[in-house]
Every structure is written in C-alpha cells, then in structure tokens.
Amino acid sequence: GTIWISGTLHNIYSIGMALEEEGFKIINNITWQK
C-alpha cells in the first residue's frame, strides 16, 4: 500500500522527516497549485 499526506510549509517538513523515521520511503513530492 501507499500513503498520501497533504500539508503546507507549516507542517510538511516535519511530516517528511517523520515518514522516513517511521520506515517509509517518499515516492513523489506533489505540488498542488491553486
């Protein structure tokens, strides 16, 4: 399976680090342009 997590500059850097710390490998960094 895969996990997708949405965020902004306020939390996304913590999330990216937490993913790697908890055994995940990031596949893509999707930028949602509004």
PDB file of all heavy atoms in Angstrom:
ATOM      1  N   GLY A   1       0.811  -1.218   0.000  1.00  0.00           N
ATOM      2  CA  GLY A   1       0.000   0.000   0.000  1.00  0.00           C
ATOM      3  C   GLY A   1       0.842   1.264   0.000  1.00  0.00           C
ATOM      4  O   GLY A   1       2.066   1.228   0.144  1.00  0.00           O
ATOM      5  N   THR A   2       0.175   2.402  -0.178  1.00  0.00           N
ATOM      6  CA  THR A   2       0.865   3.693  -0.126  1.00  0.00           C
ATOM      7  C   THR A   2       0.079   4.681   0.720  1.00  0.00           C
ATOM      8  O   THR A   2      -1.114   4.515   0.949  1.00  0.00           O
ATOM      9  CB  THR A   2       1.073   4.295  -1.538  1.00  0.00           C
ATOM     10  OG1 THR A   2      -0.195   4.418  -2.205  1.00  0.00           O
ATOM     11  CG2 THR A   2       2.018   3.444  -2.364  1.00  0.00           C
ATOM     12  N   ILE A   3       0.792   5.711   1.177  1.00  0.00           N
ATOM     13  CA  ILE A   3       0.186   6.769   1.985  1.00  0.00           C
ATOM     14  C   ILE A   3       0.424   8.108   1.309  1.00  0.00           C
ATOM     15  O   ILE A   3       1.501   8.358   0.753  1.00  0.00           O
ATOM     16  CB  ILE A   3       0.755   6.768   3.423  1.00  0.00           C
ATOM     17  CG1 ILE A   3       0.036   7.817   4.289  1.00  0.00           C
ATOM     18  CG2 ILE A   3       2.260   6.977   3.443  1.00  0.00           C
ATOM     19  CD1 ILE A   3       0.374   7.718   5.779  1.00  0.00           C
ATOM     20  N   TRP A   4      -0.603   8.942   1.312  1.00  0.00           N
ATOM     21  CA  TRP A   4      -0.530  10.308   0.786  1.00  0.00           C
ATOM     22  C   TRP A   4      -0.818  11.259   1.944  1.00  0.00           C
ATOM     23  O   TRP A   4      -1.789  11.069   2.675  1.00  0.00           O
ATOM     24  CB  TRP A   4      -1.578  10.526  -0.305  1.00  0.00           C
ATOM     25  CG  TRP A   4      -1.474   9.640  -1.508  1.00  0.00           C
ATOM     26  CD1 TRP A   4      -1.812   8.315  -1.582  1.00  0.00           C
ATOM     27  CD2 TRP A   4      -1.038  10.018  -2.819  1.00  0.00           C
ATOM     28  NE1 TRP A   4      -1.617   7.845  -2.850  1.00  0.00           N
ATOM     29  CE2 TRP A   4      -1.141   8.867  -3.634  1.00  0.00           C
ATOM     30  CE3 TRP A   4      -0.588  11.207  -3.381  1.00  0.00           C
ATOM     31  CZ2 TRP A   4      -0.798   8.873  -4.987  1.00  0.00           C
ATOM     32  CZ3 TRP A   4      -0.255  11.221  -4.730  1.00  0.00           C
ATOM     33  CH2 TRP A   4      -0.359  10.073  -5.517  1.00  0.00           C
ATOM     34  N   ILE A   5       0.013  12.289   2.100  1.00  0.00           N
ATOM     35  CA  ILE A   5      -0.182  13.246   3.188  1.00  0.00           C
ATOM     36  C   ILE A   5      -0.088  14.662   2.630  1.00  0.00           C
ATOM     37  O   ILE A   5       0.900  15.035   2.003  1.00  0.00           O
ATOM     38  CB  ILE A   5       0.857  13.065   4.310  1.00  0.00           C
ATOM     39  CG1 ILE A   5       0.881  11.616   4.791  1.00  0.00           C
ATOM     40  CG2 ILE A   5       0.540  14.002   5.466  1.00  0.00           C
ATOM     41  CD1 ILE A   5       1.960  11.330   5.822  1.00  0.00           C
ATOM     42  N   SER A   6      -1.127  15.445   2.908  1.00  0.00           N
ATOM     43  CA  SER A   6      -1.194  16.825   2.440  1.00  0.00           C
ATOM     44  C   SER A   6      -0.754  17.781   3.544  1.00  0.00           C
ATOM     45  O   SER A   6      -1.014  17.557   4.725  1.00  0.00           O
ATOM     46  CB  SER A   6      -2.633  17.151   2.016  1.00  0.00           C
ATOM     47  OG  SER A   6      -2.757  18.509   1.663  1.00  0.00           O
ATOM     48  N   GLY A   7      -0.070  18.850   3.143  1.00  0.00           N
ATOM     49  CA  GLY A   7       0.344  19.836   4.136  1.00  0.00           C
ATOM     50  C   GLY A   7       0.864  21.111   3.498  1.00  0.00           C
ATOM     51  O   GLY A   7       0.946  21.240   2.271  1.00  0.00           O
ATOM     52  N   THR A   8       1.219  22.040   4.338  1.00  0.00           N
ATOM     53  CA  THR A   8       1.803  23.315   3.907  1.00  0.00           C
ATOM     54  C   THR A   8       3.174  23.456   4.553  1.00  0.00           C
ATOM     55  O   THR A   8       3.630  22.573   5.283  1.00  0.00           O
ATOM     56  CB  THR A   8       0.917  24.499   4.329  1.00  0.00           C
ATOM     57  OG1 THR A   8       0.898  24.566   5.768  1.00  0.00           O
ATOM     58  CG2 THR A   8      -0.507  24.338   3.811  1.00  0.00           C
ATOM     59  N   LEU A   9       3.806  24.579   4.316  1.00  0.00           N
ATOM     60  CA  LEU A   9       5.126  24.816   4.897  1.00  0.00           C
ATOM     61  C   LEU A   9       5.110  24.728   6.426  1.00  0.00           C
ATOM     62  O   LEU A   9       6.146  24.527   7.061  1.00  0.00           O
ATOM     63  CB  LEU A   9       5.661  26.186   4.459  1.00  0.00           C
ATOM     64  CG  LEU A   9       4.839  27.430   4.824  1.00  0.00           C
ATOM     65  CD1 LEU A   9       5.238  27.980   6.188  1.00  0.00           C
ATOM     66  CD2 LEU A   9       5.024  28.515   3.763  1.00  0.00           C
ATOM     67  N   HIS A  10       3.938  24.842   7.028  1.00  0.00           N
ATOM     68  CA  HIS A  10       3.836  24.839   8.484  1.00  0.00           C
ATOM     69  C   HIS A  10       4.042  23.461   9.099  1.00  0.00           C
ATOM     70  O   HIS A  10       4.379  23.358  10.278  1.00  0.00           O
ATOM     71  CB  HIS A  10       2.477  25.392   8.912  1.00  0.00           C
ATOM     72  CG  HIS A  10       2.180  26.731   8.325  1.00  0.00           C
ATOM     73  ND1 HIS A  10       1.501  26.876   7.123  1.00  0.00           N
ATOM     74  CD2 HIS A  10       2.491  27.973   8.751  1.00  0.00           C
ATOM     75  CE1 HIS A  10       1.403  28.167   6.853  1.00  0.00           C
ATOM     76  NE2 HIS A  10       1.985  28.852   7.806  1.00  0.00           N
ATOM     77  N   ASN A  11       3.806  22.394   8.297  1.00  0.00           N
ATOM     78  CA  ASN A  11       3.939  21.059   8.884  1.00  0.00           C
ATOM     79  C   ASN A  11       4.575  20.021   7.968  1.00  0.00           C
ATOM     80  O   ASN A  11       4.945  18.949   8.416  1.00  0.00           O
ATOM     81  CB  ASN A  11       2.566  20.541   9.343  1.00  0.00           C
ATOM     82  CG  ASN A  11       1.637  20.221   8.186  1.00  0.00           C
ATOM     83  OD1 ASN A  11       1.807  20.720   7.080  1.00  0.00           O
ATOM     84  ND2 ASN A  11       0.645  19.385   8.436  1.00  0.00           N
ATOM     85  N   ILE A  12       4.732  20.329   6.690  1.00  0.00           N
ATOM     86  CA  ILE A  12       5.124  19.295   5.731  1.00  0.00           C
ATOM     87  C   ILE A  12       6.561  18.831   5.919  1.00  0.00           C
ATOM     88  O   ILE A  12       6.904  17.685   5.619  1.00  0.00           O
ATOM     89  CB  ILE A  12       4.878  19.764   4.279  1.00  0.00           C
ATOM     90  CG1 ILE A  12       4.760  18.554   3.339  1.00  0.00           C
ATOM     91  CG2 ILE A  12       5.952  20.735   3.822  1.00  0.00           C
ATOM     92  CD1 ILE A  12       3.552  17.699   3.580  1.00  0.00           C
ATOM     93  N   TYR A  13       7.423  19.695   6.444  1.00  0.00           N
ATOM     94  CA  TYR A  13       8.824  19.287   6.632  1.00  0.00           C
ATOM     95  C   TYR A  13       8.950  18.321   7.798  1.00  0.00           C
ATOM     96  O   TYR A  13       9.729  17.366   7.753  1.00  0.00           O
ATOM     97  CB  TYR A  13       9.706  20.524   6.815  1.00  0.00           C
ATOM     98  CG  TYR A  13       9.630  21.434   5.613  1.00  0.00           C
ATOM     99  CD1 TYR A  13       8.929  22.638   5.658  1.00  0.00           C
ATOM    100  CD2 TYR A  13      10.224  21.065   4.403  1.00  0.00           C
ATOM    101  CE1 TYR A  13       8.824  23.440   4.535  1.00  0.00           C
ATOM    102  CE2 TYR A  13      10.124  21.858   3.282  1.00  0.00           C
ATOM    103  CZ  TYR A  13       9.416  23.055   3.357  1.00  0.00           C
ATOM    104  OH  TYR A  13       9.317  23.844   2.241  1.00  0.00           O
ATOM    105  N   SER A  14       8.173  18.543   8.837  1.00  0.00           N
ATOM    106  CA  SER A  14       8.111  17.584   9.937  1.00  0.00           C
ATOM    107  C   SER A  14       7.565  16.256   9.441  1.00  0.00           C
ATOM    108  O   SER A  14       8.072  15.174   9.790  1.00  0.00           O
ATOM    109  CB  SER A  14       7.225  18.125  11.066  1.00  0.00           C
ATOM    110  OG  SER A  14       6.892  17.113  11.990  1.00  0.00           O
ATOM    111  N   ILE A  15       6.528  16.311   8.613  1.00  0.00           N
ATOM    112  CA  ILE A  15       5.912  15.089   8.097  1.00  0.00           C
ATOM    113  C   ILE A  15       6.892  14.304   7.233  1.00  0.00           C
ATOM    114  O   ILE A  15       6.996  13.074   7.337  1.00  0.00           O
ATOM    115  CB  ILE A  15       4.629  15.431   7.321  1.00  0.00           C
ATOM    116  CG1 ILE A  15       3.520  15.818   8.313  1.00  0.00           C
ATOM    117  CG2 ILE A  15       4.180  14.267   6.442  1.00  0.00           C
ATOM    118  CD1 ILE A  15       2.314  16.433   7.684  1.00  0.00           C
ATOM    119  N   GLY A  16       7.631  15.005   6.376  1.00  0.00           N
ATOM    120  CA  GLY A  16       8.608  14.326   5.536  1.00  0.00           C
ATOM    121  C   GLY A  16       9.658  13.603   6.369  1.00  0.00           C
ATOM    122  O   GLY A  16      10.015  12.451   6.089  1.00  0.00           O
ATOM    123  N   MET A  17      10.150  14.251   7.400  1.00  0.00           N
ATOM    124  CA  MET A  17      11.128  13.625   8.292  1.00  0.00           C
ATOM    125  C   MET A  17      10.501  12.463   9.051  1.00  0.00           C
ATOM    126  O   MET A  17      11.106  11.386   9.173  1.00  0.00           O
ATOM    127  CB  MET A  17      11.655  14.664   9.280  1.00  0.00           C
ATOM    128  CG  MET A  17      12.672  14.105  10.268  1.00  0.00           C
ATOM    129  SD  MET A  17      14.212  13.570   9.500  1.00  0.00           S
ATOM    130  CE  MET A  17      14.978  15.167   9.198  1.00  0.00           C
ATOM    131  N   ALA A  18       9.274  12.659   9.543  1.00  0.00           N
ATOM    132  CA  ALA A  18       8.600  11.597  10.300  1.00  0.00           C
ATOM    133  C   ALA A  18       8.368  10.363   9.439  1.00  0.00           C
ATOM    134  O   ALA A  18       8.496   9.224   9.908  1.00  0.00           O
ATOM    135  CB  ALA A  18       7.275  12.120  10.865  1.00  0.00           C
ATOM    136  N   LEU A  19       8.025  10.552   8.176  1.00  0.00           N
ATOM    137  CA  LEU A  19       7.832   9.421   7.271  1.00  0.00           C
ATOM    138  C   LEU A  19       9.094   8.561   7.195  1.00  0.00           C
ATOM    139  O   LEU A  19       9.035   7.333   7.313  1.00  0.00           O
ATOM    140  CB  LEU A  19       7.451   9.916   5.873  1.00  0.00           C
ATOM    141  CG  LEU A  19       5.998  10.312   5.647  1.00  0.00           C
ATOM    142  CD1 LEU A  19       5.847  11.054   4.325  1.00  0.00           C
ATOM    143  CD2 LEU A  19       5.077   9.093   5.668  1.00  0.00           C
ATOM    144  N   GLU A  20      10.227   9.198   6.999  1.00  0.00           N
ATOM    145  CA  GLU A  20      11.471   8.450   6.885  1.00  0.00           C
ATOM    146  C   GLU A  20      11.858   7.815   8.222  1.00  0.00           C
ATOM    147  O   GLU A  20      12.354   6.680   8.263  1.00  0.00           O
ATOM    148  CB  GLU A  20      12.580   9.362   6.365  1.00  0.00           C
ATOM    149  CG  GLU A  20      12.333   9.838   4.935  1.00  0.00           C
ATOM    150  CD  GLU A  20      13.522  10.544   4.323  1.00  0.00           C
ATOM    151  OE1 GLU A  20      14.397  11.008   5.084  1.00  0.00           O
ATOM    152  OE2 GLU A  20      13.587  10.623   3.083  1.00  0.00           O
ATOM    153  N   GLU A  21      11.623   8.522   9.308  1.00  0.00           N
ATOM    154  CA  GLU A  21      11.948   7.982  10.631  1.00  0.00           C
ATOM    155  C   GLU A  21      11.103   6.752  10.965  1.00  0.00           C
ATOM    156  O   GLU A  21      11.557   5.863  11.697  1.00  0.00           O
ATOM    157  CB  GLU A  21      11.742   9.061  11.696  1.00  0.00           C
ATOM    158  CG  GLU A  21      12.782  10.161  11.665  1.00  0.00           C
ATOM    159  CD  GLU A  21      12.471  11.307  12.617  1.00  0.00           C
ATOM    160  OE1 GLU A  21      11.264  11.548  12.887  1.00  0.00           O
ATOM    161  OE2 GLU A  21      13.408  11.962  13.085  1.00  0.00           O
ATOM    162  N   GLU A  22       9.896   6.695  10.430  1.00  0.00           N
ATOM    163  CA  GLU A  22       8.987   5.592  10.761  1.00  0.00           C
ATOM    164  C   GLU A  22       8.946   4.502   9.689  1.00  0.00           C
ATOM    165  O   GLU A  22       8.045   3.684   9.658  1.00  0.00           O
ATOM    166  CB  GLU A  22       7.575   6.140  11.005  1.00  0.00           C
ATOM    167  CG  GLU A  22       7.492   7.088  12.197  1.00  0.00           C
ATOM    168  CD  GLU A  22       7.987   6.474  13.497  1.00  0.00           C
ATOM    169  OE1 GLU A  22       7.886   5.240  13.649  1.00  0.00           O
ATOM    170  OE2 GLU A  22       8.480   7.226  14.366  1.00  0.00           O
ATOM    171  N   GLY A  23       9.948   4.490   8.789  1.00  0.00           N
ATOM    172  CA  GLY A  23      10.094   3.362   7.881  1.00  0.00           C
ATOM    173  C   GLY A  23       9.481   3.516   6.508  1.00  0.00           C
ATOM    174  O   GLY A  23       9.345   2.525   5.779  1.00  0.00           O
ATOM    175  N   PHE A  24       9.127   4.735   6.124  1.00  0.00           N
ATOM    176  CA  PHE A  24       8.581   4.974   4.789  1.00  0.00           C
ATOM    177  C   PHE A  24       9.650   5.520   3.850  1.00  0.00           C
ATOM    178  O   PHE A  24      10.644   6.102   4.286  1.00  0.00           O
ATOM    179  CB  PHE A  24       7.428   5.981   4.853  1.00  0.00           C
ATOM    180  CG  PHE A  24       6.133   5.419   5.368  1.00  0.00           C
ATOM    181  CD1 PHE A  24       5.753   5.598   6.694  1.00  0.00           C
ATOM    182  CD2 PHE A  24       5.277   4.723   4.533  1.00  0.00           C
ATOM    183  CE1 PHE A  24       4.557   5.091   7.179  1.00  0.00           C
ATOM    184  CE2 PHE A  24       4.082   4.208   4.992  1.00  0.00           C
ATOM    185  CZ  PHE A  24       3.719   4.392   6.320  1.00  0.00           C
ATOM    186  N   LYS A  25       9.409   5.347   2.567  1.00  0.00           N
ATOM    187  CA  LYS A  25      10.259   5.934   1.524  1.00  0.00           C
ATOM    188  C   LYS A  25       9.379   6.820   0.656  1.00  0.00           C
ATOM    189  O   LYS A  25       8.347   6.360   0.136  1.00  0.00           O
ATOM    190  CB  LYS A  25      10.898   4.837   0.674  1.00  0.00           C
ATOM    191  CG  LYS A  25      11.855   5.358  -0.397  1.00  0.00           C
ATOM    192  CD  LYS A  25      12.473   4.211  -1.165  1.00  0.00           C
ATOM    193  CE  LYS A  25      13.431   4.704  -2.255  1.00  0.00           C
ATOM    194  NZ  LYS A  25      14.585   5.425  -1.682  1.00  0.00           N
ATOM    195  N   ILE A  26       9.736   8.077   0.499  1.00  0.00           N
ATOM    196  CA  ILE A  26       8.926   9.016  -0.280  1.00  0.00           C
ATOM    197  C   ILE A  26       9.083   8.732  -1.769  1.00  0.00           C
ATOM    198  O   ILE A  26      10.199   8.647  -2.290  1.00  0.00           O
ATOM    199  CB  ILE A  26       9.299  10.470   0.058  1.00  0.00           C
ATOM    200  CG1 ILE A  26       8.984  10.772   1.534  1.00  0.00           C
ATOM    201  CG2 ILE A  26       8.560  11.450  -0.860  1.00  0.00           C
ATOM    202  CD1 ILE A  26       9.465  12.117   2.019  1.00  0.00           C
ATOM    203  N   ILE A  27       7.948   8.585  -2.450  1.00  0.00           N
ATOM    204  CA  ILE A  27       7.934   8.291  -3.888  1.00  0.00           C
ATOM    205  C   ILE A  27       7.921   9.586  -4.693  1.00  0.00           C
ATOM    206  O   ILE A  27       8.690   9.759  -5.646  1.00  0.00           O
ATOM    207  CB  ILE A  27       6.685   7.456  -4.262  1.00  0.00           C
ATOM    208  CG1 ILE A  27       6.627   6.167  -3.445  1.00  0.00           C
ATOM    209  CG2 ILE A  27       6.674   7.150  -5.754  1.00  0.00           C
ATOM    210  CD1 ILE A  27       5.280   5.452  -3.532  1.00  0.00           C
ATOM    211  N   ASN A  28       7.014  10.480  -4.325  1.00  0.00           N
ATOM    212  CA  ASN A  28       6.855  11.755  -5.035  1.00  0.00           C
ATOM    213  C   ASN A  28       6.505  12.871  -4.072  1.00  0.00           C
ATOM    214  O   ASN A  28       5.890  12.647  -3.027  1.00  0.00           O
ATOM    215  CB  ASN A  28       5.743  11.682  -6.086  1.00  0.00           C
ATOM    216  CG  ASN A  28       6.202  11.230  -7.451  1.00  0.00           C
ATOM    217  OD1 ASN A  28       5.714  10.241  -7.984  1.00  0.00           O
ATOM    218  ND2 ASN A  28       7.150  11.936  -8.051  1.00  0.00           N
ATOM    219  N   ASN A  29       6.901  14.071  -4.486  1.00  0.00           N
ATOM    220  CA  ASN A  29       6.520  15.309  -3.814  1.00  0.00           C
ATOM    221  C   ASN A  29       5.591  16.049  -4.778  1.00  0.00           C
ATOM    222  O   ASN A  29       6.037  16.702  -5.715  1.00  0.00           O
ATOM    223  CB  ASN A  29       7.782  16.123  -3.516  1.00  0.00           C
ATOM    224  CG  ASN A  29       7.495  17.444  -2.824  1.00  0.00           C
ATOM    225  OD1 ASN A  29       7.779  17.592  -1.653  1.00  0.00           O
ATOM    226  ND2 ASN A  29       6.964  18.420  -3.547  1.00  0.00           N
ATOM    227  N   ILE A  30       4.286  15.889  -4.580  1.00  0.00           N
ATOM    228  CA  ILE A  30       3.313  16.518  -5.468  1.00  0.00           C
ATOM    229  C   ILE A  30       3.058  17.951  -5.021  1.00  0.00           C
ATOM    230  O   ILE A  30       2.814  18.212  -3.836  1.00  0.00           O
ATOM    231  CB  ILE A  30       1.971  15.746  -5.461  1.00  0.00           C
ATOM    232  CG1 ILE A  30       2.183  14.270  -5.828  1.00  0.00           C
ATOM    233  CG2 ILE A  30       0.956  16.412  -6.396  1.00  0.00           C
ATOM    234  CD1 ILE A  30       2.677  14.030  -7.218  1.00  0.00           C
ATOM    235  N   THR A  31       3.131  18.880  -5.953  1.00  0.00           N
ATOM    236  CA  THR A  31       2.791  20.273  -5.665  1.00  0.00           C
ATOM    237  C   THR A  31       1.396  20.554  -6.211  1.00  0.00           C
ATOM    238  O   THR A  31       1.158  20.442  -7.420  1.00  0.00           O
ATOM    239  CB  THR A  31       3.789  21.243  -6.311  1.00  0.00           C
ATOM    240  OG1 THR A  31       5.092  20.995  -5.765  1.00  0.00           O
ATOM    241  CG2 THR A  31       3.398  22.691  -6.036  1.00  0.00           C
ATOM    242  N   TRP A  32       0.475  20.876  -5.312  1.00  0.00           N
ATOM    243  CA  TRP A  32      -0.870  21.276  -5.719  1.00  0.00           C
ATOM    244  C   TRP A  32      -0.869  22.790  -5.897  1.00  0.00           C
ATOM    245  O   TRP A  32      -0.764  23.535  -4.939  1.00  0.00           O
ATOM    246  CB  TRP A  32      -1.905  20.839  -4.681  1.00  0.00           C
ATOM    247  CG  TRP A  32      -3.271  21.431  -4.921  1.00  0.00           C
ATOM    248  CD1 TRP A  32      -3.836  21.732  -6.116  1.00  0.00           C
ATOM    249  CD2 TRP A  32      -4.230  21.815  -3.924  1.00  0.00           C
ATOM    250  NE1 TRP A  32      -5.088  22.275  -5.940  1.00  0.00           N
ATOM    251  CE2 TRP A  32      -5.351  22.334  -4.605  1.00  0.00           C
ATOM    252  CE3 TRP A  32      -4.239  21.753  -2.528  1.00  0.00           C
ATOM    253  CZ2 TRP A  32      -6.472  22.810  -3.922  1.00  0.00           C
ATOM    254  CZ3 TRP A  32      -5.351  22.225  -1.854  1.00  0.00           C
ATOM    255  CH2 TRP A  32      -6.462  22.743  -2.553  1.00  0.00           C
ATOM    256  N   GLN A  33      -0.984  23.221  -7.138  1.00  0.00           N
ATOM    257  CA  GLN A  33      -1.009  24.645  -7.469  1.00  0.00           C
ATOM    258  C   GLN A  33      -2.453  25.111  -7.570  1.00  0.00           C
ATOM    259  O   GLN A  33      -3.219  24.595  -8.386  1.00  0.00           O
ATOM    260  CB  GLN A  33      -0.274  24.899  -8.790  1.00  0.00           C
ATOM    261  CG  GLN A  33      -0.205  26.365  -9.183  1.00  0.00           C
ATOM    262  CD  GLN A  33       0.493  26.565 -10.515  1.00  0.00           C
ATOM    263  OE1 GLN A  33       0.466  25.696 -11.380  1.00  0.00           O
ATOM    264  NE2 GLN A  33       1.129  27.707 -10.673  1.00  0.00           N
ATOM    265  N   LYS A  34      -2.816  26.093  -6.767  1.00  0.00           N
ATOM    266  CA  LYS A  34      -4.189  26.588  -6.721  1.00  0.00           C
ATOM    267  C   LYS A  34      -4.364  27.721  -7.731  1.00  0.00           C
ATOM    268  O   LYS A  34      -3.592  28.679  -7.757  1.00  0.00           O
ATOM    269  CB  LYS A  34      -4.520  27.090  -5.313  1.00  0.00           C
ATOM    270  CG  LYS A  34      -4.255  26.055  -4.231  1.00  0.00           C
ATOM    271  CD  LYS A  34      -4.363  26.659  -2.841  1.00  0.00           C
ATOM    272  CE  LYS A  34      -3.949  25.673  -1.775  1.00  0.00           C
ATOM    273  NZ  LYS A  34      -3.994  26.262  -0.407  1.00  0.00           N
TER     274      LYS A  34
END
